[in-house]
Amino acid sequence: MKKTKLFSLLASVIGAGMLLAAPAVQAATTLTVYTALEADQIKAYQAAFQKANPDIEIKWVRDSTGIVTAKLLAEKANPQADVIWGLAATSLALLDKEGMLTPYAPQGLSAIDGKYRSAANPPAWVGMDVWASAICFNTVEAQKQGLPKPTSWADLTKPVYAGKIVMPNPASSGTGYLDVSAWLQMMGEDKGWACKQAATGEFPIGIAFEYRAVKTKKEGAPIDVILPAEGLGWDIEATAIVKGSKHLEAAKKLADFSASKDAMALYEKNFAVVATPGVAKPDELLPADYEKRLIKNDFTWASTNRDRILTEWSKRYESKSEKKQ
């Protein structure tokens, strides 16, 4: 009897110990996150999120804005992503129109500037950081070719710059698309289309975005960063939860983190404007009124007209685009 009681007691103790230990051996939740973030930004963002949420792992699917957007649209009937962390708001507005996002008000939403989140309540997407168009002017190449420095978008239509300009293809690049949609919004269809140039090779003038332009100059490239006088086309990287996510609670935690002050402090290391006012610090290569130079951007117009604009672009300029290897 004593042995039986002893075995029963041991079994109870061992059983209780196994129950207590069970949570420690459970597998972490894996979130599939689609992104167009720059590859050199992802590591720091992931480390900070997983430090705050050690029970959640991230499986990244990364590509350019246009490709990520097309992939999400192709998967509409069978979503593969749980969260989108770092994709253009114009793309997210399109996905929202297709009913592909789960609206969610993350913790800290009240601190986000209203123009940097979707207008719905709860919002379909919440902004992270702004990136805006800029002209990179290679001073060495320009001097060799006797080119004057442009100061406006209109300058780029002058004959002296013909064949001297390169820009990203808007069909695959968020930067390319924000430029095209901004020109059309600022100048109207006729003048806007007159401002397009696409080519390949080494060029003295490149249309880029201010983050990459400033970073490249700081790394020693012989370029001047020009912010055209008419204003800057821009978009905002944002976060959204994909409708149909099988890990909704974990997805909400990522959305909470993305809107947090800690995350904004990380975004600020890369961008001059973030979604929470008062976090970003001045950059010596950008003017103090940088944010005021952003044009009034109609995300709904840009997303609604996306297919039409890209079709027109392809008809006019696809022959000048660099061919994929």
Protein backbone atom coordinates (compact mmCIF):
# COMPACT_ATOMS: atom_id res chain seq x y z
CA MET A 1 0.00 0.00 0.00
CA LYS A 2 2.79 2.38 0.88
CA LYS A 3 4.47 1.80 -2.48
CA THR A 4 1.20 2.33 -4.27
CA LYS A 5 0.60 5.61 -2.45
CA LEU A 6 4.18 6.68 -3.18
CA PHE A 7 3.80 5.93 -6.89
CA SER A 8 0.50 7.82 -6.96
CA LEU A 9 2.10 10.82 -5.28
CA LEU A 10 5.05 10.78 -7.71
CA ALA A 11 2.71 10.48 -10.66
CA SER A 12 0.72 13.48 -9.42
CA VAL A 13 3.85 15.56 -8.91
CA ILE A 14 5.28 14.62 -12.32
CA GLY A 15 1.94 15.27 -14.01
CA ALA A 16 1.63 18.68 -12.40
CA GLY A 17 5.20 19.50 -13.40
CA MET A 18 4.51 18.59 -17.00
CA LEU A 19 1.45 20.87 -17.04
CA LEU A 20 3.48 23.73 -15.62
CA ALA A 21 6.27 23.17 -18.15
CA ALA A 22 3.96 22.79 -21.14
CA PRO A 23 3.76 26.48 -22.11
CA ALA A 24 7.57 26.72 -22.22
CA VAL A 25 7.83 24.05 -24.92
CA GLN A 26 4.97 25.27 -27.09
CA ALA A 27 6.04 26.49 -30.51
CA ALA A 28 6.06 30.23 -31.09
CA THR A 29 3.43 31.73 -33.38
CA THR A 30 4.84 32.43 -36.84
CA LEU A 31 3.52 35.49 -38.66
CA THR A 32 3.96 35.69 -42.41
CA VAL A 33 4.76 39.34 -43.07
CA TYR A 34 4.79 40.87 -46.54
CA THR A 35 6.95 43.98 -46.90
CA ALA A 36 8.64 46.40 -49.26
CA LEU A 37 10.93 47.72 -46.53
CA GLU A 38 14.54 48.27 -47.47
CA ALA A 39 16.54 45.14 -46.68
CA ASP A 40 18.91 47.09 -44.43
CA GLN A 41 15.98 48.21 -42.23
CA ILE A 42 14.31 44.86 -41.57
CA LYS A 43 16.83 43.42 -39.11
CA ALA A 44 16.52 46.24 -36.56
CA TYR A 45 12.72 46.36 -36.79
CA GLN A 46 12.40 42.62 -36.32
CA ALA A 47 14.81 42.53 -33.37
CA ALA A 48 12.86 45.24 -31.52
CA PHE A 49 9.50 43.59 -32.17
CA GLN A 50 10.63 40.14 -31.09
CA LYS A 51 12.30 41.52 -27.97
CA ALA A 52 8.87 42.84 -26.95
CA ASN A 53 7.07 39.74 -28.28
CA PRO A 54 9.38 36.72 -27.84
CA ASP A 55 6.51 34.31 -28.49
CA ILE A 56 6.04 35.57 -32.07
CA GLU A 57 8.38 34.82 -34.96
CA ILE A 58 8.35 36.58 -38.33
CA LYS A 59 8.60 34.94 -41.73
CA TRP A 60 9.39 37.74 -44.18
CA VAL A 61 8.33 37.92 -47.81
CA ARG A 62 10.09 40.95 -49.27
CA ASP A 63 10.06 42.56 -52.70
CA SER A 64 9.48 45.92 -54.37
CA THR A 65 6.18 47.72 -53.81
CA GLY A 66 4.64 46.84 -57.16
CA ILE A 67 5.54 43.16 -56.91
CA VAL A 68 4.29 42.82 -53.32
CA THR A 69 1.04 44.55 -54.29
CA ALA A 70 0.55 42.27 -57.29
CA LYS A 71 1.29 39.19 -55.17
CA LEU A 72 -1.28 40.17 -52.56
CA LEU A 73 -3.92 40.83 -55.23
CA ALA A 74 -3.18 37.46 -56.85
CA GLU A 75 -3.67 35.75 -53.49
CA LYS A 76 -6.96 37.50 -52.73
CA ALA A 77 -9.00 34.28 -52.74
CA ASN A 78 -6.42 32.43 -50.64
CA PRO A 79 -4.39 34.91 -48.53
CA GLN A 80 -0.91 33.79 -47.55
CA ALA A 81 0.14 36.85 -45.54
CA ASP A 82 -0.92 37.66 -41.99
CA VAL A 83 0.37 41.22 -41.85
CA ILE A 84 1.72 43.85 -44.21
CA TRP A 85 4.48 45.82 -42.47
CA GLY A 86 5.96 48.53 -44.67
CA LEU A 87 4.03 48.95 -47.92
CA ALA A 88 2.88 52.12 -49.69
CA ALA A 89 -0.42 53.55 -48.50
CA THR A 90 -1.54 53.83 -52.13
CA SER A 91 -1.19 50.05 -52.40
CA LEU A 92 -2.97 49.49 -49.10
CA ALA A 93 -5.82 51.77 -50.20
CA LEU A 94 -6.22 49.54 -53.25
CA LEU A 95 -6.23 46.38 -51.11
CA ASP A 96 -8.74 47.97 -48.76
CA LYS A 97 -11.00 48.77 -51.71
CA GLU A 98 -10.82 45.07 -52.62
CA GLY A 99 -11.94 44.12 -49.10
CA MET A 100 -8.62 42.45 -48.29
CA LEU A 101 -7.74 44.18 -45.00
CA THR A 102 -9.03 43.81 -41.45
CA PRO A 103 -9.59 47.26 -39.89
CA TYR A 104 -7.87 47.64 -36.54
CA ALA A 105 -7.15 50.51 -34.16
CA PRO A 106 -3.74 49.74 -32.65
CA GLN A 107 -2.65 50.90 -29.24
CA GLY A 108 -1.18 54.37 -29.60
CA LEU A 109 -3.38 55.29 -32.57
CA SER A 110 -4.31 58.61 -30.96
CA ALA A 111 -0.70 59.77 -31.34
CA ILE A 112 -0.67 59.19 -35.12
CA ASP A 113 -1.14 62.26 -37.35
CA GLY A 114 -4.54 61.97 -39.04
CA LYS A 115 -3.15 62.47 -42.54
CA TYR A 116 -0.83 59.49 -42.07
CA ARG A 117 -3.52 56.83 -41.51
CA SER A 118 -6.62 55.69 -43.34
CA ALA A 119 -9.66 57.87 -42.70
CA ALA A 120 -11.86 54.96 -41.61
CA ASN A 121 -12.58 54.24 -37.97
CA PRO A 122 -11.10 51.80 -37.12
CA PRO A 123 -8.45 52.43 -39.77
CA ALA A 124 -7.66 49.92 -42.50
CA TRP A 125 -3.98 50.90 -42.36
CA VAL A 126 -1.75 52.99 -40.11
CA GLY A 127 1.29 54.91 -41.31
CA MET A 128 4.90 54.49 -40.29
CA ASP A 129 7.13 56.91 -42.22
CA VAL A 130 6.99 59.20 -45.22
CA TRP A 131 9.22 58.93 -48.24
CA ALA A 132 9.21 61.65 -50.84
CA SER A 133 10.58 62.19 -54.31
CA ALA A 134 13.89 63.91 -54.93
CA ILE A 135 16.31 64.51 -57.78
CA CYS A 136 19.84 63.13 -57.51
CA PHE A 137 22.21 65.36 -59.48
CA ASN A 138 25.59 63.77 -60.14
CA THR A 139 27.90 66.77 -60.01
CA VAL A 140 30.87 64.97 -61.59
CA GLU A 141 28.95 63.62 -64.59
CA ALA A 142 27.01 66.85 -65.00
CA GLN A 143 30.22 68.88 -65.16
CA LYS A 144 31.64 66.54 -67.80
CA GLN A 145 28.53 67.02 -69.91
CA GLY A 146 28.07 70.72 -69.21
CA LEU A 147 24.63 70.29 -67.65
CA PRO A 148 23.10 73.02 -65.46
CA LYS A 149 21.55 72.01 -62.16
CA PRO A 150 17.74 71.69 -62.39
CA THR A 151 15.61 73.25 -59.66
CA SER A 152 12.14 72.07 -60.66
CA TRP A 153 10.27 69.18 -62.27
CA ALA A 154 9.51 71.45 -65.21
CA ASP A 155 13.25 71.90 -65.80
CA LEU A 156 13.57 68.21 -66.57
CA THR A 157 11.45 68.63 -69.71
CA LYS A 158 14.04 70.99 -71.25
CA PRO A 159 15.89 69.64 -74.32
CA VAL A 160 19.26 69.89 -72.56
CA TYR A 161 18.27 66.98 -70.29
CA ALA A 162 16.94 64.68 -73.02
CA GLY A 163 18.40 61.21 -72.56
CA LYS A 164 20.14 62.24 -69.34
CA ILE A 165 17.54 61.09 -66.78
CA VAL A 166 16.78 57.74 -65.20
CA MET A 167 13.96 56.78 -62.82
CA PRO A 168 12.37 53.63 -61.39
CA ASN A 169 9.65 51.89 -63.36
CA PRO A 170 6.34 52.72 -61.61
CA ALA A 171 4.92 49.29 -62.43
CA SER A 172 7.29 47.70 -59.92
CA SER A 173 8.57 50.60 -57.82
CA GLY A 174 6.60 52.53 -55.21
CA THR A 175 8.95 55.48 -55.71
CA GLY A 176 8.33 55.42 -59.44
CA TYR A 177 4.58 55.36 -58.95
CA LEU A 178 4.49 58.12 -56.35
CA ASP A 179 6.42 60.33 -58.79
CA VAL A 180 4.04 59.67 -61.68
CA SER A 181 0.85 60.07 -59.65
CA ALA A 182 2.21 63.24 -58.01
CA TRP A 183 3.11 64.83 -61.35
CA LEU A 184 -0.37 64.13 -62.67
CA GLN A 185 -1.96 65.55 -59.52
CA MET A 186 0.26 68.66 -59.50
CA MET A 187 0.38 69.46 -63.21
CA GLY A 188 -2.64 67.79 -64.75
CA GLU A 189 -2.59 65.04 -67.36
CA ASP A 190 -1.01 66.91 -70.31
CA LYS A 191 1.90 68.56 -68.49
CA GLY A 192 2.31 65.62 -66.16
CA TRP A 193 2.88 63.11 -68.94
CA ALA A 194 5.36 65.50 -70.55
CA CYS A 195 7.53 65.14 -67.44
CA LYS A 196 8.29 61.40 -67.86
CA GLN A 197 11.71 59.99 -68.81
CA ALA A 198 12.87 56.36 -68.44
CA ALA A 199 16.11 54.84 -69.68
CA THR A 200 19.06 52.66 -68.69
CA GLY A 201 22.77 53.00 -68.00
CA GLU A 202 24.79 55.66 -66.21
CA PHE A 203 23.01 59.02 -66.07
CA PRO A 204 23.82 62.37 -64.52
CA ILE A 205 20.27 62.80 -63.19
CA GLY A 206 18.25 60.23 -61.28
CA ILE A 207 14.74 60.55 -59.89
CA ALA A 208 14.76 58.78 -56.55
CA PHE A 209 13.46 59.28 -53.03
CA GLU A 210 15.01 61.37 -50.33
CA TYR A 211 15.97 58.50 -47.96
CA ARG A 212 18.12 56.76 -50.54
CA ALA A 213 19.44 60.04 -51.97
CA VAL A 214 20.54 61.35 -48.57
CA LYS A 215 22.01 57.99 -47.57
CA THR A 216 23.98 57.74 -50.81
CA LYS A 217 25.35 61.27 -50.42
CA LYS A 218 26.38 60.58 -46.83
CA GLU A 219 28.25 57.53 -48.07
CA GLY A 220 30.35 59.80 -50.26
CA ALA A 221 28.62 59.82 -53.64
CA PRO A 222 29.18 63.05 -55.65
CA ILE A 223 25.53 64.03 -55.79
CA ASP A 224 23.42 67.01 -54.85
CA VAL A 225 19.95 66.24 -53.45
CA ILE A 226 17.42 68.53 -55.16
CA LEU A 227 13.89 69.06 -53.86
CA PRO A 228 11.97 70.49 -56.84
CA ALA A 229 10.24 73.83 -56.40
CA GLU A 230 6.72 72.65 -57.33
CA GLY A 231 6.56 70.29 -54.37
CA LEU A 232 7.35 66.68 -53.53
CA GLY A 233 5.35 63.63 -54.43
CA TRP A 234 5.21 61.30 -51.47
CA ASP A 235 3.75 58.17 -50.01
CA ILE A 236 3.79 56.63 -46.57
CA GLU A 237 4.90 53.18 -45.56
CA ALA A 238 2.15 51.65 -43.48
CA THR A 239 1.02 48.56 -41.61
CA ALA A 240 -2.18 46.58 -42.07
CA ILE A 241 -3.65 43.23 -41.07
CA VAL A 242 -4.61 40.91 -43.93
CA LYS A 243 -8.20 39.71 -43.85
CA GLY A 244 -8.25 35.97 -43.25
CA SER A 245 -5.14 35.83 -41.05
CA LYS A 246 -5.13 32.65 -38.97
CA HIS A 247 -3.07 34.43 -36.30
CA LEU A 248 -5.19 37.50 -35.68
CA GLU A 249 -4.12 38.15 -32.08
CA ALA A 250 -0.43 37.95 -32.98
CA ALA A 251 -1.09 40.16 -36.02
CA LYS A 252 -2.68 42.77 -33.74
CA LYS A 253 0.42 42.72 -31.54
CA LEU A 254 2.59 43.54 -34.56
CA ALA A 255 0.20 46.34 -35.55
CA ASP A 256 0.38 47.66 -31.96
CA PHE A 257 4.17 47.65 -32.08
CA SER A 258 4.32 49.32 -35.49
CA ALA A 259 2.27 52.25 -34.19
CA SER A 260 4.24 52.53 -30.94
CA LYS A 261 6.66 55.28 -29.99
CA ASP A 262 9.48 52.71 -29.84
CA ALA A 263 8.85 51.74 -33.45
CA MET A 264 8.62 55.39 -34.52
CA ALA A 265 12.05 55.96 -32.98
CA LEU A 266 13.38 53.21 -35.26
CA TYR A 267 11.67 54.61 -38.34
CA GLU A 268 13.09 58.03 -37.53
CA LYS A 269 16.62 56.70 -37.99
CA ASN A 270 15.83 56.29 -41.68
CA PHE A 271 13.24 58.93 -42.52
CA ALA A 272 12.80 62.67 -42.01
CA VAL A 273 9.05 62.37 -41.33
CA VAL A 274 7.28 59.69 -39.28
CA ALA A 275 3.61 59.21 -38.54
CA THR A 276 3.84 60.42 -34.93
CA PRO A 277 4.59 64.17 -34.73
CA GLY A 278 7.57 65.33 -32.69
CA VAL A 279 9.63 62.15 -33.07
CA ALA A 280 11.68 62.91 -36.20
CA LYS A 281 14.85 64.98 -35.94
CA PRO A 282 16.21 67.45 -38.53
CA ASP A 283 18.68 66.17 -41.13
CA GLU A 284 21.49 68.48 -42.20
CA LEU A 285 20.93 67.59 -45.86
CA LEU A 286 17.23 68.45 -45.83
CA PRO A 287 15.59 71.85 -45.26
CA ALA A 288 13.81 72.56 -41.99
CA ASP A 289 10.49 72.98 -43.84
CA TYR A 290 10.82 69.61 -45.59
CA GLU A 291 7.44 68.27 -44.45
CA LYS A 292 5.70 71.43 -45.68
CA ARG A 293 7.02 70.74 -49.18
CA LEU A 294 4.97 67.53 -49.47
CA ILE A 295 2.11 68.01 -51.92
CA LYS A 296 -1.49 67.37 -50.94
CA ASN A 297 -1.62 63.68 -51.81
CA ASP A 298 -4.94 62.04 -52.66
CA PHE A 299 -4.36 58.36 -51.82
CA THR A 300 -7.83 57.41 -53.03
CA TRP A 301 -7.23 59.03 -56.42
CA ALA A 302 -3.79 57.45 -56.71
CA SER A 303 -5.07 53.95 -55.91
CA THR A 304 -8.24 54.24 -58.01
CA ASN A 305 -6.28 55.41 -61.07
CA ARG A 306 -3.33 53.06 -60.59
CA ASP A 307 -4.19 50.60 -63.39
CA ARG A 308 -4.99 53.40 -65.84
CA ILE A 309 -1.75 55.25 -65.08
CA LEU A 310 0.41 52.15 -65.34
CA THR A 311 -1.24 51.15 -68.62
CA GLU A 312 -0.55 54.61 -70.03
CA TRP A 313 3.02 54.50 -68.74
CA SER A 314 3.62 51.13 -70.37
CA LYS A 315 2.23 52.37 -73.69
CA ARG A 316 4.44 55.44 -73.67
CA TYR A 317 7.68 54.35 -72.02
CA GLU A 318 7.99 50.59 -71.53
CA SER A 319 10.40 50.40 -74.49
CA LYS A 320 12.84 52.57 -72.52
CA SER A 321 12.72 50.45 -69.39
CA GLU A 322 15.62 48.24 -68.44
CA LYS A 323 14.95 44.66 -69.44
CA LYS A 324 14.93 42.11 -66.61
CA GLN A 325 17.78 39.64 -66.68
